[in-house]
Every structure is written in C-alpha cells, then in structure tokens.
Amino acid sequence: MTIWINDTGFSSVTELSAKRELRRTDIRYNTQGDMLIDLVNRKYRLTVRFGLLTSKELEQLRSLTKEIFVTVKFPAPEGESADGGLVTGEFHISDEPAPTVTTVNGVTMYGGVELVMLQK
C-alpha cells in the first residue's frame, strides 16, 4: 500500500488505520451553566505502520515530521474515484519516527516505524 506525504510516495506501508473521530471544538457555556457546542467535526486519525525502510526513506520521513502540517493522500472507501479512491487532507505528525535497526543481506534497514497523524 502506498501513501503520499507532501507528494512523496511511501510504498512500504504494511498497515494503515484511518479512524474517523468526533472532535468537539469551540465549547462555551451559557449564563445558566449549560454547555453549548458550536462545532462538531469528524476528522481522521491515521496510524501508519511501515515495513522495512532504507536510510533514504527514513531520512525523507524524518524531514517531513519537522513540518507542522503536511498534506497526506491515503486510500479510503470515501475517496474520490477521480483520484483513484484517495482521500487528501492536512495532517499533523506529532512524533518523530523511531525505528529499530536491522541488517538484511549486509544492508542496514529500519523497521518498526509507526506514525500517528491527526487531521487539521
């Protein structure tokens, strides 16, 4: 499976969880103390697990996590058919990926990388 972060494709995605979460914003109280919720939004929470990454792929991923918001394209049932079933949104990546180092046929690879992204 492939996802795109700021138009950089990562094809080594082994697991993608795209949950729709209800987020309440702009909560206020009236003079009687009743809670008034002005906005209720459904936003994505993406959990992406990668297979083995090369040093270059990990470096790209880490450089993208330094930005506050990134544009992510990922496959989802509600994706537009003109875009190949992809959903596009602005997301925040809070944690830098921390991999496990392994050696495969003399090449250093990185595994166990997981990103959690929250939609803006």
Protein backbone atom coordinates (compact mmCIF):
# COMPACT_ATOMS: atom_id res chain seq x y z
CA MET A 1 0.00 0.00 0.00
CA THR A 2 1.21 3.49 -0.75
CA ILE A 3 0.54 6.81 0.97
CA TRP A 4 1.81 10.20 -0.10
CA ILE A 5 3.10 12.81 2.31
CA ASN A 6 3.71 16.18 0.64
CA ASP A 7 3.78 14.38 -2.74
CA THR A 8 6.48 11.94 -1.57
CA GLY A 9 5.23 8.38 -2.02
CA PHE A 10 5.95 5.73 0.61
CA SER A 11 5.09 2.28 -0.77
CA SER A 12 6.29 0.23 2.19
CA VAL A 13 3.12 0.76 4.26
CA THR A 14 2.15 -2.56 5.83
CA GLU A 15 -0.80 -1.32 7.89
CA LEU A 16 -3.00 1.76 7.72
CA SER A 17 -5.71 2.57 10.24
CA ALA A 18 -7.89 5.52 9.18
CA LYS A 19 -10.31 6.16 12.03
CA ARG A 20 -12.90 8.90 11.89
CA GLU A 21 -13.03 10.63 15.26
CA LEU A 22 -15.55 13.09 16.55
CA ARG A 23 -13.88 16.25 17.78
CA ARG A 24 -15.68 18.98 19.60
CA THR A 25 -14.36 22.47 19.20
CA ASP A 26 -15.40 25.88 20.45
CA ILE A 27 -17.19 24.72 23.59
CA ARG A 28 -18.92 27.51 25.54
CA TYR A 29 -21.28 27.80 28.47
CA ASN A 30 -24.38 29.99 28.69
CA THR A 31 -25.33 32.01 31.79
CA GLN A 32 -27.18 29.03 33.29
CA GLY A 33 -24.06 26.88 33.01
CA ASP A 34 -25.33 24.78 30.11
CA MET A 35 -22.66 23.60 27.69
CA LEU A 36 -23.05 24.83 24.12
CA ILE A 37 -21.03 23.10 21.42
CA ASP A 38 -20.72 25.29 18.35
CA LEU A 39 -18.76 22.96 16.09
CA VAL A 40 -18.61 19.19 15.91
CA ASN A 41 -16.29 17.74 13.29
CA ARG A 42 -15.35 14.28 12.13
CA LYS A 43 -11.65 14.14 11.47
CA TYR A 44 -9.24 11.38 10.57
CA ARG A 45 -6.70 9.86 12.91
CA LEU A 46 -4.22 7.91 10.80
CA THR A 47 -1.94 5.26 12.23
CA VAL A 48 0.59 4.18 9.62
CA ARG A 49 2.99 1.27 10.07
CA PHE A 50 5.83 0.85 7.63
CA GLY A 51 7.73 -2.25 6.59
CA LEU A 52 11.49 -2.08 6.24
CA LEU A 53 12.71 1.36 5.17
CA THR A 54 16.02 2.29 3.58
CA SER A 55 18.18 5.04 5.08
CA LYS A 56 16.99 7.43 2.38
CA GLU A 57 13.29 6.70 3.02
CA LEU A 58 13.73 7.14 6.77
CA GLU A 59 15.57 10.43 6.21
CA GLN A 60 12.69 11.66 3.99
CA LEU A 61 10.15 10.63 6.60
CA ARG A 62 12.02 12.36 9.40
CA SER A 63 12.41 15.56 7.41
CA LEU A 64 8.64 15.62 6.81
CA THR A 65 7.88 15.28 10.54
CA LYS A 66 9.69 18.57 11.16
CA GLU A 67 6.88 20.47 9.41
CA ILE A 68 3.84 21.48 11.44
CA PHE A 69 1.29 20.34 8.85
CA VAL A 70 1.72 18.01 5.89
CA THR A 71 -0.59 17.03 3.04
CA VAL A 72 -1.38 13.31 3.11
CA LYS A 73 -3.09 11.21 0.43
CA PHE A 74 -4.25 7.78 1.51
CA PRO A 75 -6.66 5.11 0.27
CA ALA A 76 -10.12 5.10 1.89
CA PRO A 77 -13.61 3.98 0.82
CA GLU A 78 -14.90 7.57 0.74
CA GLY A 79 -12.05 8.72 -1.53
CA GLU A 80 -12.95 10.41 -4.78
CA SER A 81 -12.99 7.98 -7.68
CA ALA A 82 -11.31 10.54 -9.93
CA ASP A 83 -8.37 10.45 -7.53
CA GLY A 84 -8.20 6.65 -7.52
CA GLY A 85 -10.07 6.22 -4.21
CA LEU A 86 -7.71 8.52 -2.30
CA VAL A 87 -8.56 10.98 0.44
CA THR A 88 -6.40 14.09 0.73
CA GLY A 89 -6.10 16.13 3.91
CA GLU A 90 -3.84 18.29 6.05
CA PHE A 91 -2.38 16.39 9.00
CA HIS A 92 -0.13 17.00 11.97
CA ILE A 93 2.58 14.44 12.81
CA SER A 94 3.42 14.84 16.49
CA ASP A 95 6.21 12.30 16.94
CA GLU A 96 9.39 11.69 15.01
CA PRO A 97 9.64 8.08 13.82
CA ALA A 98 11.88 5.90 15.99
CA PRO A 99 12.99 2.79 14.10
CA THR A 100 14.60 -0.49 15.01
CA VAL A 101 17.83 -1.07 13.11
CA THR A 102 18.30 -4.38 11.34
CA THR A 103 20.67 -5.71 8.70
CA VAL A 104 19.31 -7.57 5.65
CA ASN A 105 21.89 -9.08 3.28
CA GLY A 106 24.51 -6.63 4.53
CA VAL A 107 22.24 -3.60 4.03
CA THR A 108 21.10 -1.56 7.02
CA MET A 109 17.31 -1.28 7.08
CA TYR A 110 14.91 0.30 9.54
CA GLY A 111 11.76 -1.39 10.81
CA GLY A 112 9.08 -0.83 13.40
CA VAL A 113 8.35 2.71 12.21
CA GLU A 114 4.88 3.94 13.12
CA LEU A 115 3.39 7.40 12.61
CA VAL A 116 0.23 8.77 14.16
CA MET A 117 -1.26 11.69 12.25
CA LEU A 118 -4.17 13.90 13.27
CA GLN A 119 -6.19 15.79 10.69
CA LYS A 120 -6.10 19.58 10.91
